[in-house]
Protein backbone atom coordinates (compact mmCIF):
# COMPACT_ATOMS: atom_id res chain seq x y z
CA UNK A 1 0.00 0.00 0.00
CA UNK A 2 1.39 3.39 -0.93
CA UNK A 3 1.97 5.89 1.85
CA UNK A 4 2.24 9.62 1.38
CA UNK A 5 3.82 12.23 3.55
CA UNK A 6 1.44 13.87 6.03
CA UNK A 7 3.03 17.28 5.42
CA UNK A 8 2.40 16.95 1.67
CA UNK A 9 -1.22 16.01 2.19
CA UNK A 10 -1.78 18.77 4.77
CA UNK A 11 -0.34 21.35 2.36
CA UNK A 12 -2.95 20.33 -0.23
CA UNK A 13 -5.87 20.68 2.17
CA UNK A 14 -7.60 24.00 2.75
CA UNK A 15 -7.28 24.80 6.47
CA UNK A 16 -6.22 22.31 9.07
CA UNK A 17 -9.23 21.17 11.07
CA UNK A 18 -7.59 18.03 12.43
CA UNK A 19 -7.94 17.52 16.18
CA UNK A 20 -4.43 16.04 16.13
CA UNK A 21 -1.31 18.03 16.81
CA UNK A 22 0.96 18.20 13.72
CA UNK A 23 3.57 16.01 15.43
CA UNK A 24 0.95 13.34 16.11
CA UNK A 25 -0.39 13.43 12.59
CA UNK A 26 3.13 12.94 11.26
CA UNK A 27 3.48 9.72 13.23
CA UNK A 28 0.42 8.11 11.67
CA UNK A 29 1.08 6.88 8.10
CA UNK A 30 -1.55 7.76 5.53
CA UNK A 31 -3.26 5.02 3.54
CA UNK A 32 -4.31 5.16 -0.10
CA UNK A 33 -6.70 8.05 -0.75
CA UNK A 34 -9.68 5.81 -1.51
CA UNK A 35 -9.63 4.53 2.07
CA UNK A 36 -10.12 6.47 5.28
CA UNK A 37 -6.62 7.29 6.43
CA UNK A 38 -5.47 6.38 9.91
CA UNK A 39 -5.14 10.09 10.63
CA UNK A 40 -8.81 10.56 9.69
CA UNK A 41 -9.81 7.56 11.80
CA UNK A 42 -7.87 8.82 14.83
CA UNK A 43 -9.33 12.29 14.34
CA UNK A 44 -12.84 10.82 14.26
CA UNK A 45 -12.17 8.78 17.38
CA UNK A 46 -10.86 11.89 19.15
CA UNK A 47 -13.94 13.92 18.17
CA UNK A 48 -16.34 11.18 19.26
CA UNK A 49 -14.47 10.55 22.51
CA UNK A 50 -14.50 14.28 23.30
CA UNK A 51 -18.25 14.31 22.76
CA UNK A 52 -18.88 11.16 24.82
CA UNK A 53 -16.47 11.49 27.76
CA UNK A 54 -14.70 14.84 27.39
CA UNK A 55 -15.80 15.87 30.88
CA UNK A 56 -14.26 12.80 32.56
CA UNK A 57 -10.79 12.38 34.05
CA UNK A 58 -7.73 12.00 31.84
CA UNK A 59 -7.44 8.36 32.93
CA UNK A 60 -11.04 7.63 31.92
CA UNK A 61 -10.61 9.42 28.60
CA UNK A 62 -7.37 7.52 27.89
CA UNK A 63 -9.11 4.23 28.69
CA UNK A 64 -11.92 4.99 26.22
CA UNK A 65 -9.40 6.10 23.58
CA UNK A 66 -7.42 2.86 24.01
CA UNK A 67 -10.60 0.81 23.60
CA UNK A 68 -11.73 2.66 20.50
CA UNK A 69 -8.31 2.63 18.89
CA UNK A 70 -8.00 -1.11 19.55
CA UNK A 71 -11.49 -1.67 18.10
CA UNK A 72 -10.32 0.16 14.96
CA UNK A 73 -7.04 -1.82 14.79
CA UNK A 74 -5.02 1.36 15.28
CA UNK A 75 -1.90 1.18 17.39
CA UNK A 76 -0.58 4.32 19.05
CA UNK A 77 2.00 4.48 21.82
CA UNK A 78 0.56 4.93 25.32
CA UNK A 79 2.27 8.32 25.53
CA UNK A 80 0.39 9.52 22.42
CA UNK A 81 -2.95 8.23 23.73
CA UNK A 82 -2.29 9.94 27.05
CA UNK A 83 -1.44 13.21 25.25
CA UNK A 84 -4.66 13.00 23.23
CA UNK A 85 -6.59 12.36 26.46
CA UNK A 86 -4.99 15.44 28.06
CA UNK A 87 -5.89 17.54 25.04
CA UNK A 88 -9.48 16.30 25.15
CA UNK A 89 -9.74 16.99 28.89
CA UNK A 90 -8.37 20.51 28.56
CA UNK A 91 -10.24 21.32 25.34
CA UNK A 92 -7.08 21.95 23.33
CA UNK A 93 -7.88 19.57 20.44
C-alpha atoms as a PDB file:
ATOM      1  CA  UNK A   1       0.000   0.000   0.000  1.00  0.00           C
ATOM      2  CA  UNK A   2       1.394   3.386  -0.930  1.00  0.00           C
ATOM      3  CA  UNK A   3       1.971   5.894   1.849  1.00  0.00           C
ATOM      4  CA  UNK A   4       2.242   9.616   1.376  1.00  0.00           C
ATOM      5  CA  UNK A   5       3.824  12.231   3.555  1.00  0.00           C
ATOM      6  CA  UNK A   6       1.442  13.870   6.032  1.00  0.00           C
ATOM      7  CA  UNK A   7       3.032  17.281   5.419  1.00  0.00           C
ATOM      8  CA  UNK A   8       2.403  16.949   1.666  1.00  0.00           C
ATOM      9  CA  UNK A   9      -1.220  16.015   2.186  1.00  0.00           C
ATOM     10  CA  UNK A  10      -1.783  18.766   4.766  1.00  0.00           C
ATOM     11  CA  UNK A  11      -0.344  21.349   2.364  1.00  0.00           C
ATOM     12  CA  UNK A  12      -2.947  20.330  -0.233  1.00  0.00           C
ATOM     13  CA  UNK A  13      -5.871  20.677   2.172  1.00  0.00           C
ATOM     14  CA  UNK A  14      -7.596  24.005   2.754  1.00  0.00           C
ATOM     15  CA  UNK A  15      -7.277  24.800   6.471  1.00  0.00           C
ATOM     16  CA  UNK A  16      -6.218  22.308   9.074  1.00  0.00           C
ATOM     17  CA  UNK A  17      -9.234  21.170  11.065  1.00  0.00           C
ATOM     18  CA  UNK A  18      -7.593  18.033  12.429  1.00  0.00           C
ATOM     19  CA  UNK A  19      -7.937  17.523  16.183  1.00  0.00           C
ATOM     20  CA  UNK A  20      -4.434  16.035  16.133  1.00  0.00           C
ATOM     21  CA  UNK A  21      -1.315  18.031  16.811  1.00  0.00           C
ATOM     22  CA  UNK A  22       0.963  18.201  13.722  1.00  0.00           C
ATOM     23  CA  UNK A  23       3.573  16.009  15.434  1.00  0.00           C
ATOM     24  CA  UNK A  24       0.947  13.336  16.114  1.00  0.00           C
ATOM     25  CA  UNK A  25      -0.389  13.434  12.590  1.00  0.00           C
ATOM     26  CA  UNK A  26       3.131  12.940  11.256  1.00  0.00           C
ATOM     27  CA  UNK A  27       3.484   9.721  13.231  1.00  0.00           C
ATOM     28  CA  UNK A  28       0.425   8.107  11.669  1.00  0.00           C
ATOM     29  CA  UNK A  29       1.082   6.880   8.103  1.00  0.00           C
ATOM     30  CA  UNK A  30      -1.553   7.762   5.528  1.00  0.00           C
ATOM     31  CA  UNK A  31      -3.265   5.020   3.540  1.00  0.00           C
ATOM     32  CA  UNK A  32      -4.307   5.162  -0.101  1.00  0.00           C
ATOM     33  CA  UNK A  33      -6.705   8.052  -0.751  1.00  0.00           C
ATOM     34  CA  UNK A  34      -9.678   5.808  -1.513  1.00  0.00           C
ATOM     35  CA  UNK A  35      -9.626   4.525   2.073  1.00  0.00           C
ATOM     36  CA  UNK A  36     -10.116   6.469   5.280  1.00  0.00           C
ATOM     37  CA  UNK A  37      -6.615   7.294   6.434  1.00  0.00           C
ATOM     38  CA  UNK A  38      -5.467   6.378   9.907  1.00  0.00           C
ATOM     39  CA  UNK A  39      -5.142  10.092  10.633  1.00  0.00           C
ATOM     40  CA  UNK A  40      -8.808  10.563   9.693  1.00  0.00           C
ATOM     41  CA  UNK A  41      -9.810   7.560  11.798  1.00  0.00           C
ATOM     42  CA  UNK A  42      -7.870   8.817  14.828  1.00  0.00           C
ATOM     43  CA  UNK A  43      -9.330  12.290  14.338  1.00  0.00           C
ATOM     44  CA  UNK A  44     -12.836  10.822  14.256  1.00  0.00           C
ATOM     45  CA  UNK A  45     -12.172   8.781  17.378  1.00  0.00           C
ATOM     46  CA  UNK A  46     -10.864  11.890  19.155  1.00  0.00           C
ATOM     47  CA  UNK A  47     -13.938  13.920  18.170  1.00  0.00           C
ATOM     48  CA  UNK A  48     -16.345  11.184  19.256  1.00  0.00           C
ATOM     49  CA  UNK A  49     -14.465  10.553  22.508  1.00  0.00           C
ATOM     50  CA  UNK A  50     -14.497  14.282  23.305  1.00  0.00           C
ATOM     51  CA  UNK A  51     -18.252  14.308  22.756  1.00  0.00           C
ATOM     52  CA  UNK A  52     -18.884  11.164  24.822  1.00  0.00           C
ATOM     53  CA  UNK A  53     -16.473  11.488  27.763  1.00  0.00           C
ATOM     54  CA  UNK A  54     -14.698  14.839  27.393  1.00  0.00           C
ATOM     55  CA  UNK A  55     -15.795  15.874  30.876  1.00  0.00           C
ATOM     56  CA  UNK A  56     -14.264  12.797  32.555  1.00  0.00           C
ATOM     57  CA  UNK A  57     -10.790  12.377  34.052  1.00  0.00           C
ATOM     58  CA  UNK A  58      -7.730  12.003  31.841  1.00  0.00           C
ATOM     59  CA  UNK A  59      -7.437   8.357  32.929  1.00  0.00           C
ATOM     60  CA  UNK A  60     -11.038   7.627  31.920  1.00  0.00           C
ATOM     61  CA  UNK A  61     -10.612   9.419  28.596  1.00  0.00           C
ATOM     62  CA  UNK A  62      -7.374   7.520  27.895  1.00  0.00           C
ATOM     63  CA  UNK A  63      -9.114   4.230  28.690  1.00  0.00           C
ATOM     64  CA  UNK A  64     -11.916   4.990  26.217  1.00  0.00           C
ATOM     65  CA  UNK A  65      -9.398   6.098  23.580  1.00  0.00           C
ATOM     66  CA  UNK A  66      -7.421   2.856  24.007  1.00  0.00           C
ATOM     67  CA  UNK A  67     -10.603   0.806  23.600  1.00  0.00           C
ATOM     68  CA  UNK A  68     -11.733   2.663  20.504  1.00  0.00           C
ATOM     69  CA  UNK A  69      -8.305   2.633  18.886  1.00  0.00           C
ATOM     70  CA  UNK A  70      -8.004  -1.110  19.545  1.00  0.00           C
ATOM     71  CA  UNK A  71     -11.492  -1.671  18.104  1.00  0.00           C
ATOM     72  CA  UNK A  72     -10.321   0.156  14.961  1.00  0.00           C
ATOM     73  CA  UNK A  73      -7.038  -1.818  14.791  1.00  0.00           C
ATOM     74  CA  UNK A  74      -5.021   1.358  15.283  1.00  0.00           C
ATOM     75  CA  UNK A  75      -1.900   1.181  17.394  1.00  0.00           C
ATOM     76  CA  UNK A  76      -0.577   4.321  19.049  1.00  0.00           C
ATOM     77  CA  UNK A  77       1.996   4.482  21.824  1.00  0.00           C
ATOM     78  CA  UNK A  78       0.561   4.932  25.317  1.00  0.00           C
ATOM     79  CA  UNK A  79       2.271   8.320  25.525  1.00  0.00           C
ATOM     80  CA  UNK A  80       0.386   9.519  22.419  1.00  0.00           C
ATOM     81  CA  UNK A  81      -2.947   8.226  23.725  1.00  0.00           C
ATOM     82  CA  UNK A  82      -2.294   9.935  27.050  1.00  0.00           C
ATOM     83  CA  UNK A  83      -1.441  13.206  25.252  1.00  0.00           C
ATOM     84  CA  UNK A  84      -4.662  13.003  23.231  1.00  0.00           C
ATOM     85  CA  UNK A  85      -6.588  12.365  26.462  1.00  0.00           C
ATOM     86  CA  UNK A  86      -4.985  15.436  28.056  1.00  0.00           C
ATOM     87  CA  UNK A  87      -5.894  17.540  25.042  1.00  0.00           C
ATOM     88  CA  UNK A  88      -9.482  16.297  25.151  1.00  0.00           C
ATOM     89  CA  UNK A  89      -9.740  16.989  28.890  1.00  0.00           C
ATOM     90  CA  UNK A  90      -8.374  20.514  28.558  1.00  0.00           C
ATOM     91  CA  UNK A  91     -10.239  21.320  25.343  1.00  0.00           C
ATOM     92  CA  UNK A  92      -7.079  21.946  23.328  1.00  0.00           C
ATOM     93  CA  UNK A  93      -7.879  19.571  20.435  1.00  0.00           C
END
